[in-house]
Amino acid sequence: MQTSEFDAGLQRLIKLAGQKRSALMCAGAVPWRCHRSLIADALTVLGIRVEDIISKTRFQLHSLTSFARVRSGRITYPRGTGSQLLSSRVRTSRKEKKLGTEG
């Protein structure tokens, strides 16, 4: 999440979501135990609406991962007990788009 490649991928995803309803999918059973939650967090920090798809009939609005911290547009995740932080600066517009993540 700290790379220009992540930022470029996020920008492509935002562009696609602006053109049509989109979903990120993988084999993970639940969104909050999958890497999709990190992408959903990055979008949520930008003010973009993200829905977690729980099943064929159930979805819920994504909420920021409980241990994530946001300061000045930067999302950080504490790592271990050493208080070292992982961070990501995401540069994009704050236009709200609807984007689903499927579990």
C-alpha atoms as a PDB file:
ATOM      1  CA  MET A   1       0.000   0.000   0.000  1.00  0.00           C
ATOM      2  CA  GLN A   2       3.027   2.246   0.179  1.00  0.00           C
ATOM      3  CA  THR A   3       3.920   1.932  -3.473  1.00  0.00           C
ATOM      4  CA  SER A   4       3.173   3.849  -6.636  1.00  0.00           C
ATOM      5  CA  GLU A   5       1.953   0.532  -8.080  1.00  0.00           C
ATOM      6  CA  PHE A   6      -0.733   0.265  -5.381  1.00  0.00           C
ATOM      7  CA  ASP A   7      -1.766   3.847  -5.985  1.00  0.00           C
ATOM      8  CA  ALA A   8      -1.941   3.277  -9.760  1.00  0.00           C
ATOM      9  CA  GLY A   9      -4.035   0.136  -9.255  1.00  0.00           C
ATOM     10  CA  LEU A  10      -6.348   1.985  -6.896  1.00  0.00           C
ATOM     11  CA  GLN A  11      -6.733   4.756  -9.473  1.00  0.00           C
ATOM     12  CA  ARG A  12      -7.653   2.174 -12.149  1.00  0.00           C
ATOM     13  CA  LEU A  13     -10.180   0.612  -9.785  1.00  0.00           C
ATOM     14  CA  ILE A  14     -11.760   3.999  -9.033  1.00  0.00           C
ATOM     15  CA  LYS A  15     -11.987   4.770 -12.742  1.00  0.00           C
ATOM     16  CA  LEU A  16     -13.619   1.398 -13.468  1.00  0.00           C
ATOM     17  CA  ALA A  17     -16.083   1.846 -10.589  1.00  0.00           C
ATOM     18  CA  GLY A  18     -17.005   5.235 -12.045  1.00  0.00           C
ATOM     19  CA  GLN A  19     -17.922   3.562 -15.329  1.00  0.00           C
ATOM     20  CA  LYS A  20     -19.878   0.570 -14.009  1.00  0.00           C
ATOM     21  CA  ARG A  21     -20.688  -1.292 -10.814  1.00  0.00           C
ATOM     22  CA  SER A  22     -17.592  -3.280  -9.853  1.00  0.00           C
ATOM     23  CA  ALA A  23     -16.627  -6.031  -7.413  1.00  0.00           C
ATOM     24  CA  LEU A  24     -13.300  -7.321  -6.078  1.00  0.00           C
ATOM     25  CA  MET A  25     -13.381 -11.044  -5.527  1.00  0.00           C
ATOM     26  CA  CYS A  26     -11.129 -13.776  -4.199  1.00  0.00           C
ATOM     27  CA  ALA A  27     -11.393 -17.119  -2.429  1.00  0.00           C
ATOM     28  CA  GLY A  28     -11.524 -15.529   1.048  1.00  0.00           C
ATOM     29  CA  ALA A  29     -14.801 -16.372   2.792  1.00  0.00           C
ATOM     30  CA  VAL A  30     -15.267 -13.083   4.642  1.00  0.00           C
ATOM     31  CA  PRO A  31     -14.049  -9.613   3.635  1.00  0.00           C
ATOM     32  CA  TRP A  32     -12.575  -8.660   7.020  1.00  0.00           C
ATOM     33  CA  ARG A  33     -10.131 -11.596   6.913  1.00  0.00           C
ATOM     34  CA  CYS A  34      -8.903 -10.850   3.418  1.00  0.00           C
ATOM     35  CA  HIS A  35      -6.555  -8.420   1.682  1.00  0.00           C
ATOM     36  CA  ARG A  36      -9.655  -6.821   0.115  1.00  0.00           C
ATOM     37  CA  SER A  37     -10.255  -5.096   3.445  1.00  0.00           C
ATOM     38  CA  LEU A  38      -7.047  -3.084   2.960  1.00  0.00           C
ATOM     39  CA  ILE A  39      -8.226  -1.917  -0.458  1.00  0.00           C
ATOM     40  CA  ALA A  40     -11.674  -1.165   0.956  1.00  0.00           C
ATOM     41  CA  ASP A  41     -10.040   0.827   3.794  1.00  0.00           C
ATOM     42  CA  ALA A  42      -8.040   2.894   1.290  1.00  0.00           C
ATOM     43  CA  LEU A  43     -11.217   3.671  -0.659  1.00  0.00           C
ATOM     44  CA  THR A  44     -13.207   4.419   2.503  1.00  0.00           C
ATOM     45  CA  VAL A  45     -10.569   6.921   3.684  1.00  0.00           C
ATOM     46  CA  LEU A  46     -11.059   8.698   0.346  1.00  0.00           C
ATOM     47  CA  GLY A  47     -14.793   8.989   0.986  1.00  0.00           C
ATOM     48  CA  ILE A  48     -15.733   6.304  -1.534  1.00  0.00           C
ATOM     49  CA  ARG A  49     -18.656   4.086  -0.576  1.00  0.00           C
ATOM     50  CA  VAL A  50     -17.672   0.395  -0.373  1.00  0.00           C
ATOM     51  CA  GLU A  51     -20.041  -2.459   0.305  1.00  0.00           C
ATOM     52  CA  ASP A  52     -18.823  -5.837   1.583  1.00  0.00           C
ATOM     53  CA  ILE A  53     -20.720  -8.688  -0.086  1.00  0.00           C
ATOM     54  CA  ILE A  54     -21.253 -11.344   2.552  1.00  0.00           C
ATOM     55  CA  SER A  55     -23.413 -13.764   0.537  1.00  0.00           C
ATOM     56  CA  LYS A  56     -25.709 -13.831  -2.491  1.00  0.00           C
ATOM     57  CA  THR A  57     -28.388 -12.108  -0.435  1.00  0.00           C
ATOM     58  CA  ARG A  58     -26.457 -10.089   2.167  1.00  0.00           C
ATOM     59  CA  PHE A  59     -24.129  -7.094   1.965  1.00  0.00           C
ATOM     60  CA  GLN A  60     -23.068  -4.360   4.351  1.00  0.00           C
ATOM     61  CA  LEU A  61     -21.392  -0.999   4.199  1.00  0.00           C
ATOM     62  CA  HIS A  62     -17.638  -1.401   4.743  1.00  0.00           C
ATOM     63  CA  SER A  63     -16.316   0.093   7.951  1.00  0.00           C
ATOM     64  CA  LEU A  64     -12.666   0.911   8.520  1.00  0.00           C
ATOM     65  CA  THR A  65     -10.607  -1.939   9.979  1.00  0.00           C
ATOM     66  CA  SER A  66     -10.732  -1.590  13.773  1.00  0.00           C
ATOM     67  CA  PHE A  67      -6.976  -1.155  14.262  1.00  0.00           C
ATOM     68  CA  ALA A  68      -6.487   1.222  11.317  1.00  0.00           C
ATOM     69  CA  ARG A  69      -5.612   4.832  12.111  1.00  0.00           C
ATOM     70  CA  VAL A  70      -6.153   7.819   9.803  1.00  0.00           C
ATOM     71  CA  ARG A  71      -4.289  11.122  10.098  1.00  0.00           C
ATOM     72  CA  SER A  72      -4.118  13.792   7.392  1.00  0.00           C
ATOM     73  CA  GLY A  73      -5.338  11.449   4.664  1.00  0.00           C
ATOM     74  CA  ARG A  74      -2.829   8.757   5.653  1.00  0.00           C
ATOM     75  CA  ILE A  75      -3.999   5.347   6.804  1.00  0.00           C
ATOM     76  CA  THR A  76      -1.705   3.414   9.138  1.00  0.00           C
ATOM     77  CA  TYR A  77      -1.812  -0.061  10.651  1.00  0.00           C
ATOM     78  CA  PRO A  78       0.149  -0.811  13.830  1.00  0.00           C
ATOM     79  CA  ARG A  79       2.481  -3.782  13.346  1.00  0.00           C
ATOM     80  CA  GLY A  80       3.116  -6.091  16.262  1.00  0.00           C
ATOM     81  CA  THR A  81       3.955  -4.742  19.684  1.00  0.00           C
ATOM     82  CA  GLY A  82       6.910  -2.651  18.520  1.00  0.00           C
ATOM     83  CA  SER A  83       4.601   0.240  17.571  1.00  0.00           C
ATOM     84  CA  GLN A  84       6.146   0.342  14.122  1.00  0.00           C
ATOM     85  CA  LEU A  85       3.572   1.591  11.626  1.00  0.00           C
ATOM     86  CA  LEU A  86       2.764   0.636   8.078  1.00  0.00           C
ATOM     87  CA  SER A  87       1.291   3.534   6.146  1.00  0.00           C
ATOM     88  CA  SER A  88      -0.233   4.415   2.848  1.00  0.00           C
ATOM     89  CA  ARG A  89      -0.757   7.795   1.222  1.00  0.00           C
ATOM     90  CA  VAL A  90      -3.476   7.579  -1.370  1.00  0.00           C
ATOM     91  CA  ARG A  91      -3.847  10.383  -3.902  1.00  0.00           C
ATOM     92  CA  THR A  92      -7.186  10.670  -5.658  1.00  0.00           C
ATOM     93  CA  SER A  93     -10.383  12.662  -5.752  1.00  0.00           C
ATOM     94  CA  ARG A  94     -12.923  12.264  -2.970  1.00  0.00           C
ATOM     95  CA  LYS A  95     -15.865  11.748  -5.320  1.00  0.00           C
ATOM     96  CA  GLU A  96     -18.171   9.082  -3.925  1.00  0.00           C
ATOM     97  CA  LYS A  97     -18.655   6.008  -6.064  1.00  0.00           C
ATOM     98  CA  LYS A  98     -20.253   2.699  -5.226  1.00  0.00           C
ATOM     99  CA  LEU A  99     -17.866  -0.256  -5.167  1.00  0.00           C
ATOM    100  CA  GLY A 100     -18.503  -3.782  -3.849  1.00  0.00           C
ATOM    101  CA  THR A 101     -16.062  -6.292  -2.411  1.00  0.00           C
ATOM    102  CA  GLU A 102     -17.168  -9.898  -2.433  1.00  0.00           C
ATOM    103  CA  GLY A 103     -16.289 -12.586   0.057  1.00  0.00           C
END
